[in-house]
Amino acid sequence: MAKEKKIGVKFFLNTRLKPKVFAGVKRYPVYSRVTFNRKNHQSPFEFENTFDGLMSEVEFEKYIVEKSNPKIISEIEQYEKEVKGIVRIWHKKFGDDFSLLGLSETHKEYKVTPLLFRVSFQVREGIRDYVIDHRPDKFRDVFYAEDVFPTTPYFALSSFFKYDEKTSFSDWPLILQYSVFSFVLLSSYLKMGFWFKDEHEAFDSKVKIIDWVCGETKIDFINYLTHKKYLKEDLQLSSDDPFAKGPIQVINLLKKTTIDIKMVTNIIDASLFP
């Protein structure tokens, strides 16, 4: 087994930039320097526990070098954990050809974007591509127009299968089935039920992409799947409702399937990339 490559994270006071002067003291921005596989990336780091996000040379020596402030140390440790998680998942995706370009922007995006929203978007893209390629006759029913997405995956599945007695979700490609399963399982794990009808709920989910990248959420989710806790969830829909046909088929197939956990987590990993 290949040894995991080291990811370095260091901080430096960027005294080459023009300082801000407060009470006669020069204050500079602190920068982080991330190094991995002979590549490096530098970006400003604004500390929450200094009054202006900057530091004087004395503060930098005291807080960063000597590590005398627990709150500052906590910020640094959290940042290192998050950045290392991003670099590892990038390297897993792209191999040694990956670039650290855009690392700081991705870090900011991952900290604010709900994981469930990103996964739901990926599912909608997959359904959209499938409908265009295999059932263009249903495109307008499901998506209305080429550049318009449905409100939720639930809406897409409901619209696709309503009043259709010949088509079954089990006929869809396995990778697309698993894409839908991944969304269903993740939403259930996040205690949002198998389905949510209001798009705002995806935006409001407290679990962000960074929580998955850092590992804790991913590990807990795998445990959730391993113990098959999703089998206890019920879909509160009536089989008499034609709009419920698609979601009911999905859930019935999901509960009869021995879930490939690695495939589920790989699909969620893949949804993190544009």
Protein backbone atom coordinates (compact mmCIF):
# COMPACT_ATOMS: atom_id res chain seq x y z
CA MET A 1 0.00 0.00 0.00
CA ALA A 2 1.44 3.36 -1.06
CA LYS A 3 2.36 5.74 1.72
CA GLU A 4 0.02 8.75 1.95
CA LYS A 5 1.72 11.88 0.73
CA LYS A 6 2.24 14.64 3.26
CA ILE A 7 0.19 17.84 3.08
CA GLY A 8 1.91 20.89 4.57
CA VAL A 9 0.10 23.94 5.93
CA LYS A 10 2.08 26.91 7.23
CA PHE A 11 1.26 30.53 8.01
CA PHE A 12 3.31 33.64 7.41
CA LEU A 13 2.85 37.35 7.96
CA ASN A 14 2.74 39.07 4.59
CA THR A 15 4.86 42.14 5.38
CA ARG A 16 5.32 42.83 1.66
CA LEU A 17 1.81 44.28 1.58
CA LYS A 18 1.01 47.76 2.81
CA PRO A 19 0.06 47.51 6.48
CA LYS A 20 -2.91 49.00 8.27
CA VAL A 21 -1.83 51.15 11.18
CA PHE A 22 -3.82 51.03 14.42
CA ALA A 23 -2.66 52.95 17.50
CA GLY A 24 0.72 53.37 15.85
CA VAL A 25 1.16 49.62 15.31
CA LYS A 26 1.53 48.11 11.83
CA ARG A 27 -0.89 45.25 11.18
CA TYR A 28 -0.51 42.83 8.26
CA PRO A 29 -2.62 40.08 6.71
CA VAL A 30 -1.69 36.51 7.61
CA TYR A 31 -1.33 34.13 4.66
CA SER A 32 -1.49 30.35 4.55
CA ARG A 33 0.81 28.31 2.34
CA VAL A 34 -0.41 24.82 1.43
CA THR A 35 2.12 22.43 -0.13
CA PHE A 36 1.49 18.99 -1.59
CA ASN A 37 3.22 16.85 -4.19
CA ARG A 38 5.63 19.65 -5.17
CA LYS A 39 2.75 22.10 -5.63
CA ASN A 40 1.88 25.06 -3.42
CA HIS A 41 -0.94 27.53 -2.95
CA GLN A 42 -0.95 30.79 -0.99
CA SER A 43 -4.03 32.71 0.17
CA PRO A 44 -4.94 35.25 2.86
CA PHE A 45 -6.35 33.89 6.10
CA GLU A 46 -8.55 36.22 8.12
CA PHE A 47 -8.63 35.21 11.76
CA GLU A 48 -11.98 35.45 13.52
CA ASN A 49 -10.31 35.92 16.90
CA THR A 50 -8.43 39.11 16.13
CA PHE A 51 -10.44 42.30 16.03
CA ASP A 52 -9.64 43.07 12.39
CA GLY A 53 -8.48 39.70 11.02
CA LEU A 54 -4.89 41.01 10.84
CA MET A 55 -1.87 40.69 13.12
CA SER A 56 1.11 42.75 14.13
CA GLU A 57 4.56 41.15 14.08
CA VAL A 58 4.44 40.80 17.86
CA GLU A 59 1.02 39.08 17.71
CA PHE A 60 2.15 36.72 14.97
CA GLU A 61 5.17 35.65 17.02
CA LYS A 62 3.03 35.19 20.13
CA TYR A 63 -0.07 33.56 18.62
CA ILE A 64 1.29 31.60 15.63
CA VAL A 65 4.89 30.81 16.48
CA GLU A 66 4.57 30.40 20.25
CA LYS A 67 0.94 29.13 20.05
CA SER A 68 -0.14 31.04 23.14
CA ASN A 69 -3.80 31.67 22.24
CA PRO A 70 -6.15 28.62 22.39
CA LYS A 71 -8.78 30.26 20.16
CA ILE A 72 -6.23 31.07 17.47
CA ILE A 73 -4.82 27.54 17.72
CA SER A 74 -8.34 26.13 17.31
CA GLU A 75 -8.87 28.21 14.15
CA ILE A 76 -5.59 27.00 12.70
CA GLU A 77 -6.29 23.35 13.50
CA GLN A 78 -9.77 23.53 11.96
CA TYR A 79 -8.44 25.20 8.83
CA GLU A 80 -5.67 22.62 8.45
CA LYS A 81 -8.17 19.78 8.85
CA GLU A 82 -10.52 21.24 6.22
CA VAL A 83 -7.83 22.08 3.68
CA LYS A 84 -6.16 18.69 4.02
CA GLY A 85 -9.54 17.03 3.48
CA ILE A 86 -10.07 18.98 0.25
CA VAL A 87 -6.57 18.21 -1.05
CA ARG A 88 -6.99 14.49 -0.36
CA ILE A 89 -10.32 14.28 -2.15
CA TRP A 90 -8.91 16.27 -5.09
CA HIS A 91 -5.91 13.95 -5.28
CA LYS A 92 -8.20 10.91 -5.17
CA LYS A 93 -10.20 12.36 -8.05
CA PHE A 94 -7.44 13.71 -10.30
CA GLY A 95 -4.30 11.85 -9.22
CA ASP A 96 -0.91 13.55 -9.52
CA ASP A 97 -2.22 15.77 -12.33
CA PHE A 98 -4.42 17.74 -9.95
CA SER A 99 -3.79 21.43 -9.25
CA LEU A 100 -4.11 23.48 -6.08
CA LEU A 101 -5.41 26.36 -8.18
CA GLY A 102 -8.65 27.68 -6.71
CA LEU A 103 -8.14 25.97 -3.34
CA SER A 104 -9.16 28.98 -1.25
CA GLU A 105 -12.32 29.57 -3.34
CA THR A 106 -13.29 25.91 -3.07
CA HIS A 107 -12.70 25.97 0.67
CA LYS A 108 -15.07 28.92 1.06
CA GLU A 109 -17.67 27.26 -1.17
CA TYR A 110 -17.53 23.94 0.71
CA LYS A 111 -18.03 25.70 4.06
CA VAL A 112 -21.33 27.30 3.03
CA THR A 113 -22.86 24.84 0.53
CA PRO A 114 -25.16 22.17 2.01
CA LEU A 115 -24.06 18.68 1.04
CA LEU A 116 -27.63 17.56 0.34
CA PHE A 117 -28.19 20.42 -2.09
CA ARG A 118 -25.09 19.51 -4.10
CA VAL A 119 -26.10 15.83 -4.22
CA SER A 120 -29.67 16.69 -5.23
CA PHE A 121 -28.38 18.87 -8.05
CA GLN A 122 -26.21 16.02 -9.31
CA VAL A 123 -29.21 13.68 -9.26
CA ARG A 124 -31.31 16.12 -11.27
CA GLU A 125 -28.52 16.44 -13.82
CA GLY A 126 -28.35 12.67 -14.15
CA ILE A 127 -32.11 12.31 -14.62
CA ARG A 128 -32.12 15.17 -17.10
CA ASP A 129 -29.37 13.59 -19.23
CA TYR A 130 -31.13 10.22 -19.15
CA VAL A 131 -34.45 11.70 -20.23
CA ILE A 132 -32.83 13.66 -23.08
CA ASP A 133 -30.96 10.60 -24.35
CA HIS A 134 -33.52 7.84 -23.80
CA ARG A 135 -36.99 9.34 -23.38
CA PRO A 136 -37.07 12.74 -25.09
CA ASP A 137 -40.83 12.33 -25.40
CA LYS A 138 -41.06 12.85 -21.63
CA PHE A 139 -38.68 15.79 -21.41
CA ARG A 140 -41.33 18.48 -21.43
CA ASP A 141 -43.42 16.66 -18.81
CA VAL A 142 -40.46 16.39 -16.44
CA PHE A 143 -38.46 19.54 -17.14
CA TYR A 144 -40.80 21.86 -19.06
CA ALA A 145 -37.94 23.31 -21.11
CA GLU A 146 -34.31 22.46 -21.81
CA ASP A 147 -32.79 25.03 -19.49
CA VAL A 148 -35.18 24.54 -16.58
CA PHE A 149 -34.64 22.00 -13.83
CA PRO A 150 -37.44 20.56 -11.70
CA THR A 151 -37.78 21.83 -8.17
CA THR A 152 -36.56 18.56 -6.64
CA PRO A 153 -35.56 15.01 -7.62
CA TYR A 154 -38.89 13.99 -6.09
CA PHE A 155 -40.71 16.12 -8.67
CA ALA A 156 -38.63 14.69 -11.53
CA LEU A 157 -39.36 11.07 -10.56
CA SER A 158 -43.02 11.81 -9.88
CA SER A 159 -43.46 13.48 -13.25
CA PHE A 160 -41.56 10.81 -15.15
CA PHE A 161 -43.56 7.83 -13.89
CA LYS A 162 -47.06 9.24 -13.44
CA TYR A 163 -49.70 7.43 -15.49
CA ASP A 164 -46.96 5.20 -16.98
CA GLU A 165 -47.79 1.52 -16.68
CA LYS A 166 -44.96 0.24 -18.86
CA THR A 167 -41.85 1.93 -17.44
CA SER A 168 -40.15 0.85 -14.21
CA PHE A 169 -37.41 2.52 -12.19
CA SER A 170 -35.61 -0.85 -12.16
CA ASP A 171 -35.14 -0.46 -15.93
CA TRP A 172 -32.97 2.62 -15.46
CA PRO A 173 -29.16 2.22 -15.68
CA LEU A 174 -27.65 0.96 -12.43
CA ILE A 175 -25.43 4.03 -11.98
CA LEU A 176 -28.46 6.32 -12.27
CA GLN A 177 -30.41 4.16 -9.83
CA TYR A 178 -27.53 4.49 -7.38
CA SER A 179 -27.38 8.24 -7.92
CA VAL A 180 -31.02 8.45 -6.82
CA PHE A 181 -30.39 5.99 -3.98
CA SER A 182 -27.52 8.16 -2.75
CA PHE A 183 -29.78 11.18 -2.50
CA VAL A 184 -32.53 9.16 -0.79
CA LEU A 185 -30.14 7.63 1.73
CA LEU A 186 -28.38 10.91 2.49
CA SER A 187 -31.64 12.80 3.01
CA SER A 188 -32.83 10.04 5.32
CA TYR A 189 -29.55 10.06 7.25
CA LEU A 190 -29.88 13.83 7.70
CA LYS A 191 -33.33 13.23 9.23
CA MET A 192 -35.10 15.03 6.42
CA GLY A 193 -37.04 11.92 5.44
CA PHE A 194 -36.57 10.13 2.16
CA TRP A 195 -37.87 13.11 0.21
CA PHE A 196 -38.31 16.82 0.65
CA LYS A 197 -40.67 18.82 -1.51
CA ASP A 198 -39.40 22.27 -0.63
CA GLU A 199 -36.10 23.22 -2.30
CA HIS A 200 -35.35 25.59 0.59
CA GLU A 201 -34.92 22.59 2.89
CA ALA A 202 -31.89 21.52 0.87
CA PHE A 203 -30.41 24.98 1.30
CA ASP A 204 -31.14 24.95 5.03
CA SER A 205 -29.41 21.67 5.81
CA LYS A 206 -26.79 22.29 8.48
CA VAL A 207 -24.41 19.66 7.12
CA LYS A 208 -22.12 21.36 4.62
CA ILE A 209 -19.84 19.85 2.00
CA ILE A 210 -16.82 20.51 4.23
CA ASP A 211 -18.30 18.22 6.92
CA TRP A 212 -18.24 15.35 4.42
CA VAL A 213 -14.77 16.22 3.16
CA CYS A 214 -13.34 16.30 6.69
CA GLY A 215 -14.51 12.76 7.29
CA GLU A 216 -16.79 12.73 10.34
CA THR A 217 -20.06 12.92 8.39
CA LYS A 218 -18.86 10.39 5.83
CA ILE A 219 -17.82 7.91 8.52
CA ASP A 220 -21.12 8.31 10.38
CA PHE A 221 -23.08 7.94 7.13
CA ILE A 222 -21.24 4.70 6.29
CA ASN A 223 -22.15 3.42 9.75
CA TYR A 224 -25.78 4.37 9.05
CA LEU A 225 -25.71 2.33 5.83
CA THR A 226 -23.81 -0.59 7.37
CA HIS A 227 -26.48 -1.02 10.04
CA LYS A 228 -29.26 -0.53 7.45
CA LYS A 229 -31.01 2.09 9.55
CA TYR A 230 -32.72 3.41 6.43
CA LEU A 231 -34.94 0.30 6.38
CA LYS A 232 -36.88 1.80 9.29
CA GLU A 233 -37.88 4.84 7.25
CA ASP A 234 -41.33 5.01 5.67
CA LEU A 235 -42.49 6.94 2.64
CA GLN A 236 -45.74 8.66 3.52
CA LEU A 237 -47.33 8.41 0.09
CA SER A 238 -50.44 6.72 -1.22
CA SER A 239 -50.17 4.12 -3.97
CA ASP A 240 -53.45 5.54 -5.34
CA ASP A 241 -51.70 8.82 -6.15
CA PRO A 242 -50.24 8.67 -9.70
CA PHE A 243 -47.56 11.19 -8.71
CA ALA A 244 -46.36 8.80 -5.98
CA LYS A 245 -45.61 5.93 -8.36
CA GLY A 246 -41.99 6.86 -9.10
CA PRO A 247 -40.91 7.52 -5.50
CA ILE A 248 -42.65 4.36 -4.29
CA GLN A 249 -40.82 2.29 -6.92
CA VAL A 250 -37.52 3.83 -5.84
CA ILE A 251 -38.08 3.05 -2.17
CA ASN A 252 -39.32 -0.48 -2.80
CA LEU A 253 -36.28 -1.27 -4.95
CA LEU A 254 -33.93 0.38 -2.47
CA LYS A 255 -35.22 -1.72 0.41
CA LYS A 256 -34.85 -4.94 -1.62
CA THR A 257 -31.31 -4.10 -2.75
CA THR A 258 -28.14 -5.03 -0.93
CA ILE A 259 -26.58 -1.59 -1.06
CA ASP A 260 -23.05 -1.23 -2.38
CA ILE A 261 -21.82 1.27 0.22
CA LYS A 262 -18.64 2.11 -1.68
CA MET A 263 -20.65 2.98 -4.80
CA VAL A 264 -22.93 5.26 -2.76
CA THR A 265 -20.04 7.15 -1.15
CA ASN A 266 -18.17 7.38 -4.47
CA ILE A 267 -21.22 8.97 -6.10
CA ILE A 268 -21.46 11.53 -3.30
CA ASP A 269 -17.72 12.20 -3.62
CA ALA A 270 -18.16 12.77 -7.35
CA SER A 271 -20.98 15.26 -6.78
CA LEU A 272 -18.53 17.61 -5.04
CA PHE A 273 -16.87 18.46 -8.35
CA PRO A 274 -18.48 20.71 -11.00
